[in-house]
Amino acid sequence: MREPITISFSGGSALLLQSNSSRFDEQFQKRIWSLASDLQAASGFTETVPGMNNILALFNPDQITPEEARKQLTERWAKAQPLPRRGKTVEIPVVYGGQNGEDFKPWARHCGLAPLEAAQRHAAGTYQVAAIGAMPGFPYLSGLDPALAISRRSTPRLAVPVGSVIVGGAQAAVMPQTSPSGWHIIGRTNIALFDPHRDEPSTLAPGDIVRFTIEDVWL
């Protein structure tokens, strides 16, 4: 049975399609990728922004009416099949804990694990980039061990440093730039995830596989 969805207008020239479920669904996400690809060639649609179990579809009201845009989006979603997408594999070395991972030990305690075991469990996972969003180059990663999940901080930090390896809810990520965030900082990497001067500014893309490796663990 397919997940129920909601399609709503976001301003006068965009539609947001999203799952009604709060849990991440890999097959739903693959249908999002399929829909994004399909809309690239659809008349009247100008841009798509895939998110985690949602997609924002922008259209030109001079070329297509809002009602027709919604009708097309609904019909194209009904036909969308999961799009297999396994991109490149990227290894990200991490120094866990210490001054660059201030939430590492509290996170490990929350998970009921010794710090070294928590780092090993985190690095043992195979993560996939579900979407790039929030800020340029920011990867929303699926695949976090459910035992490592932790609710986001009640008070976000105003400046989480670039390169911070973070967890929030049931997701993992890496900060591509210094920015406010309510996710928990468990370590740091020197891998640059975003550089506007490169031909491909973002290191990661939807479908890529991420493997974290342990460079060091501060106990």
N, C-alpha and C. Protein backbone atom coordinates (compact mmCIF):
# COMPACT_ATOMS: atom_id res chain seq x y z
N MET A 1 0.84 -1.19 0.00
CA MET A 1 0.00 0.00 0.00
C MET A 1 0.89 1.25 0.00
N ARG A 2 0.59 2.19 -0.87
CA ARG A 2 1.41 3.38 -0.97
C ARG A 2 1.01 4.39 0.10
N GLU A 3 2.03 5.16 0.54
CA GLU A 3 1.80 6.16 1.57
C GLU A 3 0.82 7.22 1.08
N PRO A 4 -0.14 7.65 1.93
CA PRO A 4 -1.01 8.76 1.56
C PRO A 4 -0.19 10.04 1.52
N ILE A 5 -0.61 10.95 0.64
CA ILE A 5 0.14 12.19 0.46
C ILE A 5 -0.77 13.40 0.63
N THR A 6 -0.12 14.55 0.75
CA THR A 6 -0.80 15.84 0.72
C THR A 6 -0.12 16.71 -0.32
N ILE A 7 -0.92 17.37 -1.15
CA ILE A 7 -0.39 18.34 -2.11
C ILE A 7 -0.99 19.69 -1.77
N SER A 8 -0.15 20.65 -1.50
CA SER A 8 -0.63 21.98 -1.12
C SER A 8 0.14 23.06 -1.87
N PHE A 9 -0.50 24.22 -2.03
CA PHE A 9 0.17 25.33 -2.70
C PHE A 9 1.13 26.00 -1.73
N SER A 10 2.28 26.38 -2.26
CA SER A 10 3.27 27.14 -1.50
C SER A 10 3.50 28.44 -2.27
N GLY A 11 2.71 29.46 -1.93
CA GLY A 11 2.71 30.68 -2.72
C GLY A 11 1.88 30.47 -3.97
N GLY A 12 2.03 31.36 -4.93
CA GLY A 12 1.21 31.29 -6.13
C GLY A 12 1.80 30.51 -7.27
N SER A 13 3.05 30.03 -7.11
CA SER A 13 3.68 29.35 -8.25
C SER A 13 4.50 28.14 -7.82
N ALA A 14 4.08 27.48 -6.76
CA ALA A 14 4.78 26.27 -6.31
C ALA A 14 3.80 25.35 -5.60
N LEU A 15 4.08 24.06 -5.69
CA LEU A 15 3.28 23.03 -5.03
C LEU A 15 4.20 22.16 -4.19
N LEU A 16 3.74 21.81 -3.00
CA LEU A 16 4.49 20.93 -2.12
C LEU A 16 3.76 19.61 -2.00
N LEU A 17 4.43 18.54 -2.43
CA LEU A 17 3.90 17.18 -2.29
C LEU A 17 4.67 16.53 -1.16
N GLN A 18 3.96 15.98 -0.17
CA GLN A 18 4.66 15.36 0.94
C GLN A 18 3.88 14.17 1.49
N SER A 19 4.62 13.29 2.12
CA SER A 19 4.02 12.13 2.75
C SER A 19 3.27 12.55 4.00
N ASN A 20 2.18 11.86 4.30
CA ASN A 20 1.43 12.12 5.52
C ASN A 20 2.02 11.38 6.72
N SER A 21 3.03 10.57 6.45
CA SER A 21 3.67 9.80 7.53
C SER A 21 4.89 10.56 8.04
N SER A 22 5.16 10.44 9.34
CA SER A 22 6.31 11.10 9.93
C SER A 22 7.58 10.26 9.81
N ARG A 23 7.44 9.01 9.42
CA ARG A 23 8.63 8.15 9.31
C ARG A 23 9.21 8.22 7.91
N PHE A 24 10.53 8.05 7.83
CA PHE A 24 11.20 8.06 6.54
C PHE A 24 10.96 6.73 5.84
N ASP A 25 10.62 6.80 4.54
CA ASP A 25 10.37 5.61 3.75
C ASP A 25 11.26 5.64 2.52
N GLU A 26 12.15 4.67 2.41
CA GLU A 26 13.13 4.65 1.32
C GLU A 26 12.47 4.55 -0.04
N GLN A 27 11.43 3.71 -0.16
CA GLN A 27 10.75 3.57 -1.46
C GLN A 27 10.00 4.84 -1.83
N PHE A 28 9.42 5.50 -0.85
CA PHE A 28 8.75 6.79 -1.10
C PHE A 28 9.78 7.80 -1.60
N GLN A 29 10.96 7.82 -0.97
CA GLN A 29 12.00 8.75 -1.39
C GLN A 29 12.44 8.47 -2.82
N LYS A 30 12.51 7.22 -3.20
CA LYS A 30 12.90 6.87 -4.57
C LYS A 30 11.83 7.30 -5.58
N ARG A 31 10.57 7.29 -5.15
CA ARG A 31 9.51 7.81 -6.02
C ARG A 31 9.63 9.33 -6.15
N ILE A 32 10.07 9.99 -5.07
CA ILE A 32 10.33 11.44 -5.13
C ILE A 32 11.38 11.72 -6.19
N TRP A 33 12.47 10.95 -6.19
CA TRP A 33 13.52 11.13 -7.19
C TRP A 33 12.96 10.92 -8.59
N SER A 34 12.11 9.91 -8.74
CA SER A 34 11.51 9.63 -10.04
C SER A 34 10.64 10.79 -10.51
N LEU A 35 9.83 11.33 -9.59
CA LEU A 35 8.96 12.44 -9.94
C LEU A 35 9.78 13.67 -10.33
N ALA A 36 10.86 13.93 -9.58
CA ALA A 36 11.72 15.08 -9.89
C ALA A 36 12.29 14.95 -11.30
N SER A 37 12.70 13.75 -11.67
CA SER A 37 13.24 13.52 -13.00
C SER A 37 12.17 13.72 -14.07
N ASP A 38 10.98 13.22 -13.80
CA ASP A 38 9.87 13.35 -14.75
C ASP A 38 9.49 14.81 -14.97
N LEU A 39 9.48 15.60 -13.90
CA LEU A 39 9.04 16.99 -14.01
C LEU A 39 10.04 17.88 -14.75
N GLN A 40 11.26 17.42 -14.88
CA GLN A 40 12.26 18.21 -15.60
C GLN A 40 11.86 18.45 -17.06
N ALA A 41 11.10 17.51 -17.60
CA ALA A 41 10.67 17.63 -19.00
C ALA A 41 9.21 18.04 -19.13
N ALA A 42 8.57 18.35 -18.01
CA ALA A 42 7.14 18.69 -18.04
C ALA A 42 6.95 20.16 -18.37
N SER A 43 6.10 20.43 -19.33
CA SER A 43 5.83 21.80 -19.76
C SER A 43 5.20 22.60 -18.62
N GLY A 44 5.75 23.79 -18.39
CA GLY A 44 5.20 24.67 -17.36
C GLY A 44 5.91 24.59 -16.04
N PHE A 45 6.57 23.47 -15.76
CA PHE A 45 7.31 23.33 -14.50
C PHE A 45 8.73 23.83 -14.71
N THR A 46 9.22 24.62 -13.77
CA THR A 46 10.51 25.29 -13.95
C THR A 46 11.61 24.73 -13.06
N GLU A 47 11.26 24.14 -11.92
CA GLU A 47 12.29 23.65 -11.00
C GLU A 47 11.66 22.70 -10.00
N THR A 48 12.45 21.73 -9.55
CA THR A 48 12.00 20.84 -8.48
C THR A 48 13.05 20.83 -7.37
N VAL A 49 12.57 20.73 -6.14
CA VAL A 49 13.47 20.68 -4.98
C VAL A 49 13.08 19.46 -4.14
N PRO A 50 13.71 18.30 -4.38
CA PRO A 50 13.39 17.11 -3.58
C PRO A 50 13.88 17.27 -2.15
N GLY A 51 13.03 16.89 -1.19
CA GLY A 51 13.41 16.90 0.21
C GLY A 51 13.28 15.50 0.79
N MET A 52 13.25 15.39 2.10
CA MET A 52 13.07 14.10 2.77
C MET A 52 11.58 13.76 2.74
N ASN A 53 11.20 12.81 1.88
CA ASN A 53 9.81 12.40 1.73
C ASN A 53 8.89 13.54 1.30
N ASN A 54 9.44 14.52 0.58
CA ASN A 54 8.63 15.59 0.02
C ASN A 54 9.33 16.19 -1.19
N ILE A 55 8.59 16.96 -1.96
CA ILE A 55 9.18 17.62 -3.12
C ILE A 55 8.44 18.93 -3.37
N LEU A 56 9.18 19.98 -3.62
CA LEU A 56 8.62 21.27 -3.98
C LEU A 56 8.73 21.41 -5.49
N ALA A 57 7.62 21.61 -6.16
CA ALA A 57 7.59 21.75 -7.62
C ALA A 57 7.18 23.18 -7.98
N LEU A 58 8.08 23.90 -8.64
CA LEU A 58 7.81 25.28 -9.05
C LEU A 58 7.31 25.30 -10.49
N PHE A 59 6.34 26.15 -10.77
CA PHE A 59 5.79 26.23 -12.12
C PHE A 59 5.63 27.69 -12.53
N ASN A 60 5.49 27.90 -13.82
CA ASN A 60 5.31 29.24 -14.39
C ASN A 60 3.82 29.48 -14.64
N PRO A 61 3.17 30.36 -13.87
CA PRO A 61 1.73 30.59 -14.05
C PRO A 61 1.37 31.15 -15.42
N ASP A 62 2.35 31.70 -16.14
CA ASP A 62 2.08 32.19 -17.49
C ASP A 62 1.99 31.05 -18.50
N GLN A 63 2.49 29.88 -18.11
CA GLN A 63 2.49 28.73 -19.02
C GLN A 63 1.48 27.66 -18.61
N ILE A 64 1.16 27.62 -17.32
CA ILE A 64 0.26 26.59 -16.82
C ILE A 64 -0.51 27.14 -15.63
N THR A 65 -1.80 26.88 -15.57
CA THR A 65 -2.60 27.39 -14.45
C THR A 65 -2.29 26.59 -13.19
N PRO A 66 -2.49 27.18 -12.02
CA PRO A 66 -2.25 26.44 -10.78
C PRO A 66 -3.07 25.15 -10.70
N GLU A 67 -4.30 25.19 -11.18
CA GLU A 67 -5.15 24.00 -11.14
C GLU A 67 -4.59 22.89 -12.03
N GLU A 68 -4.11 23.28 -13.22
CA GLU A 68 -3.54 22.28 -14.13
C GLU A 68 -2.23 21.75 -13.57
N ALA A 69 -1.44 22.61 -12.94
CA ALA A 69 -0.18 22.18 -12.34
C ALA A 69 -0.44 21.13 -11.26
N ARG A 70 -1.45 21.39 -10.44
CA ARG A 70 -1.79 20.43 -9.39
C ARG A 70 -2.29 19.12 -9.98
N LYS A 71 -3.10 19.21 -11.01
CA LYS A 71 -3.63 18.02 -11.66
C LYS A 71 -2.48 17.18 -12.25
N GLN A 72 -1.54 17.85 -12.92
CA GLN A 72 -0.41 17.14 -13.51
C GLN A 72 0.46 16.49 -12.43
N LEU A 73 0.69 17.24 -11.36
CA LEU A 73 1.53 16.69 -10.29
C LEU A 73 0.88 15.45 -9.69
N THR A 74 -0.42 15.51 -9.48
CA THR A 74 -1.14 14.37 -8.91
C THR A 74 -1.06 13.15 -9.84
N GLU A 75 -1.26 13.38 -11.13
CA GLU A 75 -1.24 12.29 -12.10
C GLU A 75 0.16 11.70 -12.26
N ARG A 76 1.16 12.57 -12.30
CA ARG A 76 2.54 12.09 -12.47
C ARG A 76 3.00 11.33 -11.22
N TRP A 77 2.55 11.77 -10.04
CA TRP A 77 2.91 11.05 -8.83
C TRP A 77 2.30 9.66 -8.82
N ALA A 78 1.06 9.55 -9.27
CA ALA A 78 0.38 8.25 -9.29
C ALA A 78 1.12 7.25 -10.17
N LYS A 79 1.81 7.74 -11.19
CA LYS A 79 2.52 6.87 -12.14
C LYS A 79 3.99 6.67 -11.75
N ALA A 80 4.48 7.46 -10.82
CA ALA A 80 5.91 7.42 -10.48
C ALA A 80 6.28 6.08 -9.84
N GLN A 81 7.32 5.48 -10.35
CA GLN A 81 7.85 4.24 -9.79
C GLN A 81 9.18 4.54 -9.10
N PRO A 82 9.52 3.77 -8.06
CA PRO A 82 10.80 4.00 -7.37
C PRO A 82 11.96 3.99 -8.36
N LEU A 83 12.77 5.03 -8.30
CA LEU A 83 13.90 5.18 -9.21
C LEU A 83 15.17 4.70 -8.50
N PRO A 84 15.69 3.54 -8.94
CA PRO A 84 16.94 3.07 -8.32
C PRO A 84 18.04 4.09 -8.60
N ARG A 85 18.71 4.52 -7.56
CA ARG A 85 19.78 5.49 -7.75
C ARG A 85 20.86 5.22 -6.72
N ARG A 86 21.91 4.59 -7.15
CA ARG A 86 23.06 4.35 -6.27
C ARG A 86 24.24 5.09 -6.88
N GLY A 87 24.57 6.19 -6.29
CA GLY A 87 25.65 7.02 -6.81
C GLY A 87 27.00 6.56 -6.31
N LYS A 88 27.91 7.48 -6.25
CA LYS A 88 29.27 7.18 -5.81
C LYS A 88 29.30 6.92 -4.30
N THR A 89 30.32 6.24 -3.85
CA THR A 89 30.54 6.02 -2.43
C THR A 89 31.61 6.98 -1.93
N VAL A 90 31.31 7.68 -0.86
CA VAL A 90 32.23 8.67 -0.30
C VAL A 90 32.56 8.28 1.13
N GLU A 91 33.85 8.14 1.43
CA GLU A 91 34.27 7.88 2.80
C GLU A 91 34.57 9.20 3.50
N ILE A 92 34.06 9.32 4.71
CA ILE A 92 34.24 10.54 5.49
C ILE A 92 34.92 10.18 6.81
N PRO A 93 36.21 10.52 6.95
CA PRO A 93 36.91 10.22 8.22
C PRO A 93 36.44 11.16 9.32
N VAL A 94 36.27 10.60 10.51
CA VAL A 94 35.72 11.37 11.63
C VAL A 94 36.61 11.24 12.87
N VAL A 95 36.84 12.37 13.51
CA VAL A 95 37.40 12.37 14.86
C VAL A 95 36.21 12.54 15.81
N TYR A 96 35.91 11.49 16.55
CA TYR A 96 34.75 11.51 17.45
C TYR A 96 35.13 12.10 18.80
N GLY A 97 34.25 12.93 19.36
CA GLY A 97 34.43 13.45 20.69
C GLY A 97 35.43 14.59 20.77
N GLY A 98 35.88 14.87 21.99
CA GLY A 98 36.81 15.97 22.20
C GLY A 98 36.13 17.31 22.05
N GLN A 99 36.93 18.35 21.88
CA GLN A 99 36.38 19.70 21.80
C GLN A 99 35.57 19.91 20.52
N ASN A 100 35.77 19.04 19.51
CA ASN A 100 35.01 19.16 18.26
C ASN A 100 33.81 18.22 18.21
N GLY A 101 33.53 17.57 19.33
CA GLY A 101 32.37 16.67 19.40
C GLY A 101 31.76 16.74 20.78
N GLU A 102 31.32 17.92 21.15
CA GLU A 102 30.92 18.17 22.53
C GLU A 102 29.71 17.38 23.00
N ASP A 103 28.90 16.88 22.06
CA ASP A 103 27.73 16.09 22.46
C ASP A 103 28.00 14.59 22.41
N PHE A 104 29.23 14.22 22.08
CA PHE A 104 29.55 12.81 21.84
C PHE A 104 29.26 11.93 23.06
N LYS A 105 29.81 12.28 24.21
CA LYS A 105 29.61 11.44 25.40
C LYS A 105 28.17 11.45 25.90
N PRO A 106 27.50 12.63 25.96
CA PRO A 106 26.08 12.61 26.34
C PRO A 106 25.23 11.80 25.37
N TRP A 107 25.56 11.87 24.09
CA TRP A 107 24.83 11.07 23.09
C TRP A 107 25.04 9.59 23.33
N ALA A 108 26.29 9.19 23.59
CA ALA A 108 26.57 7.78 23.85
C ALA A 108 25.80 7.29 25.08
N ARG A 109 25.79 8.13 26.14
CA ARG A 109 25.04 7.74 27.35
C ARG A 109 23.56 7.60 27.04
N HIS A 110 23.02 8.53 26.25
CA HIS A 110 21.61 8.45 25.86
C HIS A 110 21.31 7.14 25.16
N CYS A 111 22.25 6.68 24.36
CA CYS A 111 22.07 5.44 23.60
C CYS A 111 22.37 4.20 24.43
N GLY A 112 22.86 4.40 25.65
CA GLY A 112 23.19 3.27 26.51
C GLY A 112 24.45 2.55 26.08
N LEU A 113 25.38 3.30 25.48
CA LEU A 113 26.60 2.70 24.94
C LEU A 113 27.83 3.38 25.53
N ALA A 114 28.93 2.63 25.60
CA ALA A 114 30.21 3.24 25.92
C ALA A 114 30.61 4.11 24.73
N PRO A 115 31.37 5.18 24.94
CA PRO A 115 31.73 6.08 23.84
C PRO A 115 32.36 5.37 22.65
N LEU A 116 33.32 4.48 22.89
CA LEU A 116 33.96 3.79 21.78
C LEU A 116 32.96 2.95 21.00
N GLU A 117 32.07 2.26 21.71
CA GLU A 117 31.06 1.44 21.04
C GLU A 117 30.11 2.31 20.22
N ALA A 118 29.76 3.48 20.74
CA ALA A 118 28.87 4.39 20.00
C ALA A 118 29.53 4.84 18.70
N ALA A 119 30.81 5.18 18.76
CA ALA A 119 31.54 5.58 17.56
C ALA A 119 31.59 4.43 16.56
N GLN A 120 31.84 3.23 17.04
CA GLN A 120 31.93 2.07 16.16
C GLN A 120 30.58 1.77 15.52
N ARG A 121 29.51 1.90 16.27
CA ARG A 121 28.18 1.65 15.71
C ARG A 121 27.85 2.69 14.65
N HIS A 122 28.20 3.96 14.92
CA HIS A 122 27.95 5.03 13.95
C HIS A 122 28.73 4.78 12.68
N ALA A 123 29.99 4.39 12.81
CA ALA A 123 30.85 4.18 11.64
C ALA A 123 30.52 2.89 10.90
N ALA A 124 29.80 1.98 11.55
CA ALA A 124 29.48 0.70 10.91
C ALA A 124 28.32 0.83 9.93
N GLY A 125 27.58 1.92 10.00
CA GLY A 125 26.40 2.07 9.15
C GLY A 125 26.74 2.40 7.71
N THR A 126 25.79 2.06 6.84
CA THR A 126 25.86 2.48 5.44
C THR A 126 24.75 3.49 5.23
N TYR A 127 25.13 4.70 4.88
CA TYR A 127 24.19 5.81 4.79
C TYR A 127 23.97 6.19 3.33
N GLN A 128 22.77 6.62 3.02
CA GLN A 128 22.48 7.10 1.66
C GLN A 128 21.97 8.53 1.74
N VAL A 129 22.42 9.33 0.78
CA VAL A 129 21.96 10.72 0.71
C VAL A 129 20.53 10.72 0.17
N ALA A 130 19.58 11.05 1.04
CA ALA A 130 18.18 11.10 0.61
C ALA A 130 17.87 12.41 -0.10
N ALA A 131 18.50 13.50 0.39
CA ALA A 131 18.24 14.81 -0.20
C ALA A 131 19.35 15.76 0.20
N ILE A 132 19.50 16.81 -0.59
CA ILE A 132 20.39 17.92 -0.26
C ILE A 132 19.51 19.12 0.03
N GLY A 133 19.65 19.73 1.20
CA GLY A 133 18.76 20.84 1.53
C GLY A 133 19.20 21.55 2.79
N ALA A 134 18.34 22.41 3.30
CA ALA A 134 18.60 23.22 4.49
C ALA A 134 19.61 24.32 4.23
N MET A 135 20.72 23.96 3.59
CA MET A 135 21.75 24.92 3.17
C MET A 135 22.53 24.24 2.05
N PRO A 136 23.28 24.99 1.24
CA PRO A 136 24.02 24.38 0.13
C PRO A 136 24.94 23.25 0.60
N GLY A 137 24.75 22.07 -0.01
CA GLY A 137 25.60 20.93 0.27
C GLY A 137 25.24 20.11 1.49
N PHE A 138 24.16 20.48 2.21
CA PHE A 138 23.80 19.75 3.43
C PHE A 138 23.12 18.43 3.08
N PRO A 139 23.72 17.28 3.48
CA PRO A 139 23.14 15.98 3.13
C PRO A 139 22.24 15.42 4.23
N TYR A 140 21.01 15.15 3.91
CA TYR A 140 20.15 14.40 4.82
C TYR A 140 20.43 12.92 4.57
N LEU A 141 20.96 12.25 5.57
CA LEU A 141 21.39 10.87 5.40
C LEU A 141 20.42 9.90 6.06
N SER A 142 19.95 8.94 5.30
CA SER A 142 19.18 7.84 5.87
C SER A 142 20.15 6.72 6.22
N GLY A 143 19.69 5.79 7.06
CA GLY A 143 20.52 4.64 7.40
C GLY A 143 21.10 4.66 8.80
N LEU A 144 20.76 5.69 9.61
CA LEU A 144 21.25 5.71 10.98
C LEU A 144 20.65 4.55 11.77
N ASP A 145 21.49 3.83 12.48
CA ASP A 145 21.04 2.76 13.37
C ASP A 145 19.98 3.34 14.32
N PRO A 146 18.79 2.76 14.37
CA PRO A 146 17.75 3.30 15.26
C PRO A 146 18.19 3.43 16.71
N ALA A 147 19.14 2.59 17.14
CA ALA A 147 19.63 2.66 18.51
C ALA A 147 20.45 3.92 18.76
N LEU A 148 20.85 4.62 17.69
CA LEU A 148 21.67 5.82 17.81
C LEU A 148 20.84 7.10 17.66
N ALA A 149 19.54 6.96 17.48
CA ALA A 149 18.68 8.13 17.29
C ALA A 149 18.55 8.92 18.59
N ILE A 150 18.40 10.24 18.44
CA ILE A 150 18.23 11.12 19.59
C ILE A 150 17.46 12.36 19.16
N SER A 151 16.52 12.79 19.96
CA SER A 151 15.74 13.98 19.62
C SER A 151 16.66 15.19 19.50
N ARG A 152 16.28 16.12 18.65
CA ARG A 152 17.09 17.32 18.47
C ARG A 152 17.10 18.15 19.75
N ARG A 153 18.11 18.98 19.88
CA ARG A 153 18.25 19.82 21.06
C ARG A 153 17.05 20.75 21.21
N SER A 154 16.65 21.00 22.45
CA SER A 154 15.53 21.91 22.68
C SER A 154 15.91 23.35 22.36
N THR A 155 17.20 23.66 22.50
CA THR A 155 17.70 25.00 22.17
C THR A 155 18.81 24.86 21.12
N PRO A 156 18.56 25.26 19.88
CA PRO A 156 19.59 25.14 18.84
C PRO A 156 20.81 26.01 19.16
N ARG A 157 21.96 25.56 18.71
CA ARG A 157 23.17 26.37 18.78
C ARG A 157 23.13 27.38 17.64
N LEU A 158 23.70 28.54 17.88
CA LEU A 158 23.70 29.59 16.87
C LEU A 158 24.77 29.37 15.81
N ALA A 159 25.80 28.60 16.13
CA ALA A 159 26.88 28.39 15.17
C ALA A 159 27.50 27.01 15.37
N VAL A 160 27.04 26.04 14.58
CA VAL A 160 27.65 24.71 14.57
C VAL A 160 28.72 24.73 13.48
N PRO A 161 29.99 24.45 13.83
CA PRO A 161 31.09 24.64 12.88
C PRO A 161 31.01 23.75 11.65
N VAL A 162 31.54 24.28 10.56
CA VAL A 162 31.66 23.50 9.33
C VAL A 162 32.44 22.22 9.62
N GLY A 163 32.02 21.12 9.01
CA GLY A 163 32.69 19.84 9.22
C GLY A 163 32.17 19.05 10.40
N SER A 164 31.25 19.63 11.19
CA SER A 164 30.70 18.89 12.32
C SER A 164 29.89 17.69 11.84
N VAL A 165 30.14 16.54 12.43
CA VAL A 165 29.36 15.33 12.16
C VAL A 165 28.25 15.31 13.20
N ILE A 166 27.01 15.22 12.74
CA ILE A 166 25.88 15.47 13.62
C ILE A 166 24.80 14.39 13.48
N VAL A 167 23.99 14.27 14.53
CA VAL A 167 22.81 13.41 14.49
C VAL A 167 21.64 14.20 15.04
N GLY A 168 20.45 13.95 14.47
CA GLY A 168 19.24 14.62 14.92
C GLY A 168 18.04 13.78 14.57
N GLY A 169 17.28 13.37 15.58
CA GLY A 169 16.18 12.46 15.31
C GLY A 169 16.74 11.14 14.80
N ALA A 170 16.18 10.66 13.70
CA ALA A 170 16.62 9.38 13.13
C ALA A 170 17.57 9.59 11.95
N GLN A 171 18.17 10.77 11.85
CA GLN A 171 19.01 11.09 10.70
C GLN A 171 20.42 11.46 11.12
N ALA A 172 21.33 11.33 10.18
CA ALA A 172 22.71 11.75 10.36
C ALA A 172 23.04 12.77 9.29
N ALA A 173 24.08 13.57 9.53
CA ALA A 173 24.46 14.58 8.54
C ALA A 173 25.85 15.11 8.87
N VAL A 174 26.33 15.98 7.99
CA VAL A 174 27.60 16.68 8.18
C VAL A 174 27.36 18.13 7.80
N MET A 175 27.87 19.07 8.59
CA MET A 175 27.67 20.48 8.31
C MET A 175 28.59 20.94 7.18
N PRO A 176 28.03 21.44 6.07
CA PRO A 176 28.86 21.91 4.96
C PRO A 176 29.37 23.34 5.17
N GLN A 177 28.80 24.03 6.15
CA GLN A 177 29.23 25.37 6.50
C GLN A 177 28.80 25.65 7.93
N THR A 178 29.40 26.65 8.55
CA THR A 178 29.01 27.02 9.91
C THR A 178 27.64 27.68 9.88
N SER A 179 26.73 27.15 10.71
CA SER A 179 25.35 27.62 10.66
C SER A 179 24.63 27.20 11.93
N PRO A 180 23.52 27.86 12.27
CA PRO A 180 22.72 27.41 13.42
C PRO A 180 22.20 25.99 13.19
N SER A 181 22.07 25.23 14.27
CA SER A 181 21.54 23.87 14.16
C SER A 181 21.15 23.35 15.53
N GLY A 182 20.11 22.54 15.55
CA GLY A 182 19.68 21.89 16.78
C GLY A 182 20.10 20.43 16.84
N TRP A 183 20.94 20.01 15.88
CA TRP A 183 21.42 18.63 15.87
C TRP A 183 22.58 18.49 16.86
N HIS A 184 22.88 17.27 17.25
CA HIS A 184 23.93 16.99 18.23
C HIS A 184 25.27 16.77 17.53
N ILE A 185 26.31 17.40 18.04
CA ILE A 185 27.64 17.32 17.44
C ILE A 185 28.39 16.16 18.08
N ILE A 186 28.74 15.15 17.27
CA ILE A 186 29.44 13.98 17.82
C ILE A 186 30.88 13.89 17.34
N GLY A 187 31.26 14.71 16.37
CA GLY A 187 32.63 14.65 15.87
C GLY A 187 32.88 15.69 14.81
N ARG A 188 34.02 15.55 14.14
CA ARG A 188 34.40 16.53 13.11
C ARG A 188 35.15 15.82 11.99
N THR A 189 34.97 16.30 10.78
CA THR A 189 35.71 15.81 9.63
C THR A 189 36.33 16.99 8.90
N ASN A 190 37.41 16.71 8.16
CA ASN A 190 38.05 17.75 7.36
C ASN A 190 37.58 17.73 5.91
N ILE A 191 36.68 16.81 5.57
CA ILE A 191 36.15 16.74 4.21
C ILE A 191 35.28 17.97 3.94
N ALA A 192 35.56 18.67 2.84
CA ALA A 192 34.75 19.84 2.47
C ALA A 192 33.56 19.38 1.64
N LEU A 193 32.35 19.57 2.16
CA LEU A 193 31.16 19.11 1.46
C LEU A 193 30.62 20.13 0.45
N PHE A 194 31.06 21.37 0.55
CA PHE A 194 30.56 22.37 -0.40
C PHE A 194 31.64 23.40 -0.67
N ASP A 195 31.86 23.66 -1.97
CA ASP A 195 32.82 24.67 -2.40
C ASP A 195 32.26 25.33 -3.65
N PRO A 196 31.80 26.58 -3.57
CA PRO A 196 31.17 27.23 -4.72
C PRO A 196 32.11 27.43 -5.91
N HIS A 197 33.41 27.26 -5.71
CA HIS A 197 34.37 27.47 -6.79
C HIS A 197 34.64 26.20 -7.60
N ARG A 198 34.11 25.06 -7.14
CA ARG A 198 34.30 23.81 -7.89
C ARG A 198 33.27 23.69 -9.00
N ASP A 199 33.59 22.90 -10.03
CA ASP A 199 32.62 22.64 -11.10
C ASP A 199 31.36 22.00 -10.53
N GLU A 200 31.52 21.08 -9.58
CA GLU A 200 30.41 20.48 -8.86
C GLU A 200 30.54 20.94 -7.41
N PRO A 201 29.86 22.02 -7.03
CA PRO A 201 30.05 22.61 -5.70
C PRO A 201 29.78 21.65 -4.55
N SER A 202 28.76 20.80 -4.69
CA SER A 202 28.40 19.87 -3.62
C SER A 202 29.13 18.54 -3.79
N THR A 203 29.79 18.10 -2.73
CA THR A 203 30.50 16.82 -2.77
C THR A 203 29.53 15.66 -2.93
N LEU A 204 28.36 15.78 -2.32
CA LEU A 204 27.39 14.69 -2.31
C LEU A 204 26.16 15.05 -3.12
N ALA A 205 25.48 14.01 -3.61
CA ALA A 205 24.24 14.17 -4.36
C ALA A 205 23.27 13.08 -3.93
N PRO A 206 21.97 13.30 -4.12
CA PRO A 206 21.00 12.25 -3.76
C PRO A 206 21.37 10.91 -4.40
N GLY A 207 21.31 9.86 -3.60
CA GLY A 207 21.65 8.53 -4.08
C GLY A 207 23.06 8.11 -3.73
N ASP A 208 23.93 9.06 -3.40
CA ASP A 208 25.30 8.71 -3.02
C ASP A 208 25.30 7.92 -1.71
N ILE A 209 26.31 7.10 -1.55
CA ILE A 209 26.50 6.30 -0.34
C ILE A 209 27.62 6.93 0.49
N VAL A 210 27.37 7.06 1.77
CA VAL A 210 28.36 7.62 2.70
C VAL A 210 28.78 6.56 3.70
N ARG A 211 30.08 6.41 3.86
CA ARG A 211 30.62 5.54 4.89
C ARG A 211 31.52 6.39 5.80
N PHE A 212 31.19 6.45 7.08
CA PHE A 212 32.04 7.14 8.03
C PHE A 212 33.14 6.19 8.50
N THR A 213 34.35 6.71 8.60
CA THR A 213 35.47 5.92 9.11
C THR A 213 36.03 6.60 10.36
N ILE A 214 36.54 5.81 11.27
CA ILE A 214 37.04 6.35 12.52
C ILE A 214 38.50 6.78 12.35
N GLU A 215 38.74 8.06 12.46
CA GLU A 215 40.10 8.58 12.44
C GLU A 215 40.68 8.60 13.84
N ASP A 216 39.83 8.93 14.81
CA ASP A 216 40.25 8.92 16.21
C ASP A 216 38.99 9.02 17.08
N VAL A 217 39.10 8.58 18.31
CA VAL A 217 38.01 8.69 19.28
C VAL A 217 38.58 9.24 20.57
N TRP A 218 38.06 10.40 20.98
CA TRP A 218 38.47 11.00 22.23
C TRP A 218 37.57 10.45 23.35
N LEU A 219 38.18 9.68 24.23
CA LEU A 219 37.42 9.05 25.31
C LEU A 219 37.54 9.85 26.59
